[in-house]
Amino acid sequence: MKDLYSFTVSFNMPNSKKKEKVDIVIKKPNHSMVEDGEFYFASKFNEYLNAGFLSKAMVQKKLSDLGGALGKSSEENITNEITNIFDAQRIVQFYSSSSDEELTEEQKLKLTKAKKLLAKSQKTLVEYNINVSSMFNQTADVKAQEKLIKWFALFCSYYKETLGEKSREFELFEGGTLKDKEVFYSKILDEEYDEKDLDVYKKAQIIKEAASTIGKAIAIWYNGLGDDQKTVKEQIEHLEKEEKESNNIILSEDEENE
């Protein structure tokens, strides 16, 4: 398999103040693996439907019929908020290029109002996205996709060991079958391993540091947003920026409510 994305993680080993670094390599699933993945997704999707989970299409129709988050009025409100964001951003960018001394009182008032409108509309948009996301998070589609992303991650993740001038790649998650790899990963998450075994401890630290980025990289590839080092890195940086902005807006809301 060809490389999809690589990055470096750092961690501490017991009785060592110096951080160790290890390169992580995520392989791009080949055609055969993609076909197996499609079958795996379909089987999981049907399992969740049989267990009582609704599909995305079912949830979307239900919400639309009830006039909820995906109803016509909600869509119109969100469109208005997006328009407000663009308008407010233009005003803020225009007047922020000048100093306070250069602005008239009327311009200062206009800038203040634009900043408040921008913050309010951004918060509304974030809340809407969170609400919609939470509605779909429990659908059969999303549940099956999460399983598939994990499946790809377990089989496509490697780490490099370097001895002198030679380096070799090893599978990050131990086990020959999906079940074996899942059991191994669960033991790492639950810390059910012998910490005195330095080899196991080292791999546990690598997995803990790398798991989040591996999941993001696989999800980006799966959704067609990136398929090489450059595009995947750009998308990961974009995701992390959005997460940071969302957290900042939520935190500011909490402070206002105190």
Protein backbone atom coordinates (compact mmCIF):
# COMPACT_ATOMS: atom_id res chain seq x y z
CA MET A 1 0.00 0.00 0.00
CA LYS A 2 1.13 3.56 -0.75
CA ASP A 3 1.62 6.16 1.98
CA LEU A 4 -1.33 8.44 2.67
CA TYR A 5 -0.03 10.59 5.51
CA SER A 6 2.84 10.59 7.98
CA PHE A 7 3.51 12.57 11.15
CA THR A 8 5.61 12.41 14.29
CA VAL A 9 4.54 11.84 17.89
CA SER A 10 6.58 12.39 21.03
CA PHE A 11 6.20 10.79 24.47
CA ASN A 12 8.05 10.06 27.69
CA MET A 13 9.30 6.67 28.79
CA PRO A 14 9.57 5.77 32.49
CA ASN A 15 12.63 7.14 34.28
CA SER A 16 13.55 9.31 31.30
CA LYS A 17 13.27 13.09 31.06
CA LYS A 18 14.03 13.09 27.35
CA LYS A 19 11.06 12.79 25.01
CA GLU A 20 11.20 10.02 22.44
CA LYS A 21 9.94 10.61 18.92
CA VAL A 22 8.42 8.09 16.54
CA ASP A 23 7.21 8.52 12.96
CA ILE A 24 3.69 7.32 12.20
CA VAL A 25 2.80 6.25 8.67
CA ILE A 26 -0.80 5.83 7.51
CA LYS A 27 -1.18 3.72 4.40
CA LYS A 28 -3.74 4.47 1.70
CA PRO A 29 -6.21 1.56 1.50
CA ASN A 30 -5.81 -0.31 -1.79
CA HIS A 31 -8.64 -1.31 -4.13
CA SER A 32 -9.13 -4.71 -2.52
CA MET A 33 -9.31 -3.19 0.96
CA VAL A 34 -11.80 -0.55 -0.21
CA GLU A 35 -14.06 -3.29 -1.58
CA ASP A 36 -13.82 -5.18 1.72
CA GLY A 37 -14.55 -1.92 3.52
CA GLU A 38 -17.71 -1.33 1.50
CA PHE A 39 -18.97 -4.77 2.45
CA TYR A 40 -18.06 -4.16 6.09
CA PHE A 41 -19.90 -0.80 6.07
CA ALA A 42 -23.03 -2.37 4.53
CA SER A 43 -23.08 -5.15 7.12
CA LYS A 44 -22.69 -2.69 10.00
CA PHE A 45 -25.29 -0.34 8.52
CA ASN A 46 -27.83 -3.19 8.38
CA GLU A 47 -26.92 -4.24 11.93
CA TYR A 48 -27.69 -0.76 13.23
CA LEU A 49 -30.94 -0.55 11.27
CA ASN A 50 -32.01 -3.91 12.68
CA ALA A 51 -31.07 -2.68 16.16
CA GLY A 52 -33.52 0.23 15.79
CA PHE A 53 -31.28 3.07 14.59
CA LEU A 54 -32.71 5.36 11.91
CA SER A 55 -30.87 6.17 8.71
CA LYS A 56 -29.85 9.76 7.88
CA ALA A 57 -32.57 9.93 5.23
CA MET A 58 -35.21 8.86 7.76
CA VAL A 59 -34.07 11.47 10.31
CA GLN A 60 -33.88 14.21 7.68
CA LYS A 61 -37.41 13.52 6.44
CA LYS A 62 -38.78 13.35 9.97
CA LEU A 63 -37.20 16.67 10.96
CA SER A 64 -38.30 18.33 7.73
CA ASP A 65 -41.90 17.16 8.21
CA LEU A 66 -41.91 18.44 11.80
CA GLY A 67 -40.33 21.78 10.85
CA GLY A 68 -37.39 21.22 13.17
CA ALA A 69 -33.69 21.96 12.64
CA LEU A 70 -33.95 21.00 8.97
CA GLY A 71 -37.28 22.66 8.30
CA LYS A 72 -37.77 25.53 5.86
CA SER A 73 -37.90 28.23 8.54
CA SER A 74 -34.66 27.00 10.12
CA GLU A 75 -32.91 26.98 6.75
CA GLU A 76 -34.04 30.56 6.12
CA ASN A 77 -32.79 31.65 9.56
CA ILE A 78 -29.38 30.07 8.96
CA THR A 79 -29.16 31.71 5.53
CA ASN A 80 -29.82 35.08 7.22
CA GLU A 81 -27.15 34.41 9.84
CA ILE A 82 -24.59 33.53 7.13
CA THR A 83 -25.46 36.78 5.33
CA ASN A 84 -25.01 38.65 8.62
CA ILE A 85 -21.58 37.08 9.09
CA PHE A 86 -20.38 38.15 5.64
CA ASP A 87 -21.77 41.68 6.03
CA ALA A 88 -20.34 42.10 9.54
CA GLN A 89 -16.94 40.72 8.49
CA ARG A 90 -16.69 43.28 5.69
CA ILE A 91 -17.44 46.16 8.10
CA VAL A 92 -15.01 44.87 10.75
CA GLN A 93 -12.22 44.36 8.21
CA PHE A 94 -12.78 47.78 6.66
CA TYR A 95 -12.81 49.82 9.89
CA SER A 96 -10.24 47.71 11.77
CA SER A 97 -7.57 48.85 9.34
CA SER A 98 -7.88 52.35 10.85
CA SER A 99 -6.91 53.51 14.32
CA ASP A 100 -9.49 54.79 16.84
CA GLU A 101 -8.27 58.33 16.27
CA GLU A 102 -9.03 58.07 12.56
CA LEU A 103 -12.64 56.90 13.07
CA THR A 104 -15.62 59.15 13.72
CA GLU A 105 -18.00 58.36 16.59
CA GLU A 106 -20.55 57.09 14.07
CA GLN A 107 -17.95 54.77 12.52
CA LYS A 108 -16.87 53.50 15.94
CA LEU A 109 -20.50 52.71 16.79
CA LYS A 110 -20.93 50.93 13.46
CA LEU A 111 -17.78 48.86 14.13
CA THR A 112 -18.94 47.92 17.63
CA LYS A 113 -22.36 46.83 16.34
CA ALA A 114 -20.74 44.80 13.55
CA LYS A 115 -18.48 42.98 16.03
CA LYS A 116 -21.46 42.11 18.24
CA LEU A 117 -23.49 40.91 15.25
CA LEU A 118 -20.57 38.84 14.00
CA ALA A 119 -20.11 37.13 17.38
CA LYS A 120 -23.85 36.50 17.73
CA SER A 121 -24.28 35.08 14.22
CA GLN A 122 -21.16 32.90 14.51
CA LYS A 123 -22.44 31.49 17.80
CA THR A 124 -25.85 30.77 16.26
CA LEU A 125 -24.23 29.00 13.31
CA VAL A 126 -21.99 26.90 15.57
CA GLU A 127 -24.96 25.93 17.75
CA TYR A 128 -26.95 24.96 14.65
CA ASN A 129 -24.11 22.80 13.33
CA ILE A 130 -23.68 21.15 16.73
CA ASN A 131 -27.41 20.44 16.96
CA VAL A 132 -27.62 18.99 13.45
CA SER A 133 -24.46 16.97 14.01
CA SER A 134 -25.81 15.56 17.28
CA MET A 135 -29.05 14.57 15.54
CA PHE A 136 -27.18 12.59 12.91
CA ASN A 137 -24.53 11.17 15.26
CA GLN A 138 -26.92 8.43 16.34
CA THR A 139 -27.98 7.39 12.84
CA ALA A 140 -27.11 4.02 11.32
CA ASP A 141 -25.05 5.76 8.62
CA VAL A 142 -22.78 7.60 11.03
CA LYS A 143 -22.42 4.63 13.38
CA ALA A 144 -21.45 2.36 10.47
CA GLN A 145 -19.03 4.98 9.12
CA GLU A 146 -17.34 5.29 12.52
CA LYS A 147 -16.84 1.52 12.53
CA LEU A 148 -15.41 1.63 9.01
CA ILE A 149 -13.00 4.48 9.83
CA LYS A 150 -11.80 2.47 12.82
CA TRP A 151 -11.47 -0.63 10.63
CA PHE A 152 -9.24 1.22 8.14
CA ALA A 153 -7.22 2.79 10.98
CA LEU A 154 -6.53 -0.56 12.63
CA PHE A 155 -5.22 -2.10 9.41
CA CYS A 156 -3.48 0.90 7.81
CA SER A 157 -1.47 2.37 10.70
CA TYR A 158 2.26 1.77 11.02
CA TYR A 159 5.19 3.16 12.98
CA LYS A 160 8.86 3.33 12.08
CA GLU A 161 11.76 1.91 14.05
CA THR A 162 15.22 3.11 13.07
CA LEU A 163 18.44 1.21 13.70
CA GLY A 164 21.47 3.12 12.47
CA GLU A 165 20.83 4.06 8.86
CA LYS A 166 18.09 1.47 8.38
CA SER A 167 14.43 1.96 9.21
CA ARG A 168 11.56 -0.53 9.15
CA GLU A 169 7.81 -0.15 9.42
CA PHE A 170 5.72 -2.19 11.87
CA GLU A 171 1.97 -2.50 12.31
CA LEU A 172 0.82 -0.18 15.08
CA PHE A 173 -2.11 -2.33 16.19
CA GLU A 174 -1.18 -5.91 16.96
CA GLY A 175 -3.23 -8.87 15.75
CA GLY A 176 -3.93 -10.80 12.58
CA THR A 177 -7.70 -10.28 12.54
CA LEU A 178 -10.04 -7.37 13.17
CA LYS A 179 -11.15 -8.92 16.46
CA ASP A 180 -7.54 -9.32 17.62
CA LYS A 181 -6.72 -5.70 16.77
CA GLU A 182 -9.87 -4.43 18.51
CA VAL A 183 -9.03 -6.39 21.65
CA PHE A 184 -5.47 -5.03 21.60
CA TYR A 185 -6.69 -1.45 21.12
CA SER A 186 -9.25 -1.82 23.91
CA LYS A 187 -6.54 -2.97 26.31
CA ILE A 188 -4.49 0.11 25.44
CA LEU A 189 -7.46 2.43 26.01
CA ASP A 190 -8.38 0.73 29.28
CA GLU A 191 -4.69 0.57 30.30
CA GLU A 192 -4.98 -3.17 30.81
CA TYR A 193 -1.37 -3.89 29.98
CA ASP A 194 1.83 -4.50 31.90
CA GLU A 195 3.48 -1.10 32.30
CA LYS A 196 6.71 -2.85 33.31
CA ASP A 197 6.93 -4.31 29.81
CA LEU A 198 8.66 -1.34 28.18
CA ASP A 199 7.93 -2.48 24.62
CA VAL A 200 4.18 -2.65 25.32
CA TYR A 201 4.30 0.58 27.31
CA LYS A 202 6.06 2.34 24.43
CA LYS A 203 3.50 1.18 21.89
CA ALA A 204 0.68 2.25 24.22
CA GLN A 205 2.11 5.77 24.43
CA ILE A 206 2.52 5.93 20.65
CA ILE A 207 -1.10 4.88 20.10
CA LYS A 208 -2.46 7.34 22.66
CA GLU A 209 -0.59 10.22 21.01
CA ALA A 210 -1.37 9.17 17.44
CA ALA A 211 -4.96 7.86 17.57
CA SER A 212 -6.74 11.19 17.11
CA THR A 213 -4.66 12.25 14.09
CA ILE A 214 -4.97 8.79 12.53
CA GLY A 215 -8.75 8.98 12.81
CA LYS A 216 -8.85 12.45 11.24
CA ALA A 217 -6.55 11.46 8.36
CA ILE A 218 -8.57 8.34 7.52
CA ALA A 219 -11.86 10.29 7.72
CA ILE A 220 -10.45 12.99 5.41
CA TRP A 221 -9.39 10.36 2.86
CA TYR A 222 -12.69 8.47 3.16
CA ASN A 223 -14.73 11.63 2.53
CA GLY A 224 -12.64 12.53 -0.52
CA LEU A 225 -11.10 15.63 1.04
CA GLY A 226 -7.46 14.57 0.70
CA ASP A 227 -5.39 11.71 -0.67
CA ASP A 228 -1.75 12.70 -0.11
CA GLN A 229 0.53 14.30 2.49
CA LYS A 230 -0.16 17.89 1.41
CA THR A 231 -3.96 17.75 1.11
CA VAL A 232 -4.48 15.66 4.25
CA LYS A 233 -2.28 18.00 6.29
CA GLU A 234 -4.20 21.03 5.02
CA GLN A 235 -7.51 19.45 5.98
CA ILE A 236 -6.29 18.42 9.44
CA GLU A 237 -5.10 21.99 10.09
CA HIS A 238 -8.48 23.27 8.88
CA LEU A 239 -10.35 20.87 11.19
CA GLU A 240 -8.23 21.84 14.19
CA LYS A 241 -8.81 25.53 13.46
CA GLU A 242 -12.58 24.99 13.29
CA GLU A 243 -12.52 23.01 16.55
CA LYS A 244 -10.59 25.79 18.26
CA GLU A 245 -12.98 28.49 16.99
CA SER A 246 -16.02 26.46 18.07
CA ASN A 247 -14.55 25.97 21.56
CA ASN A 248 -13.78 29.69 21.84
CA ILE A 249 -17.35 30.61 20.93
CA ILE A 250 -18.79 28.11 23.42
CA LEU A 251 -16.44 29.37 26.15
CA SER A 252 -17.43 32.98 25.51
CA GLU A 253 -21.07 31.96 25.76
CA ASP A 254 -20.42 30.28 29.12
CA GLU A 255 -18.69 33.42 30.39
CA GLU A 256 -21.66 35.57 29.36
CA ASN A 257 -24.02 33.29 31.28
CA GLU A 258 -21.99 33.49 34.51
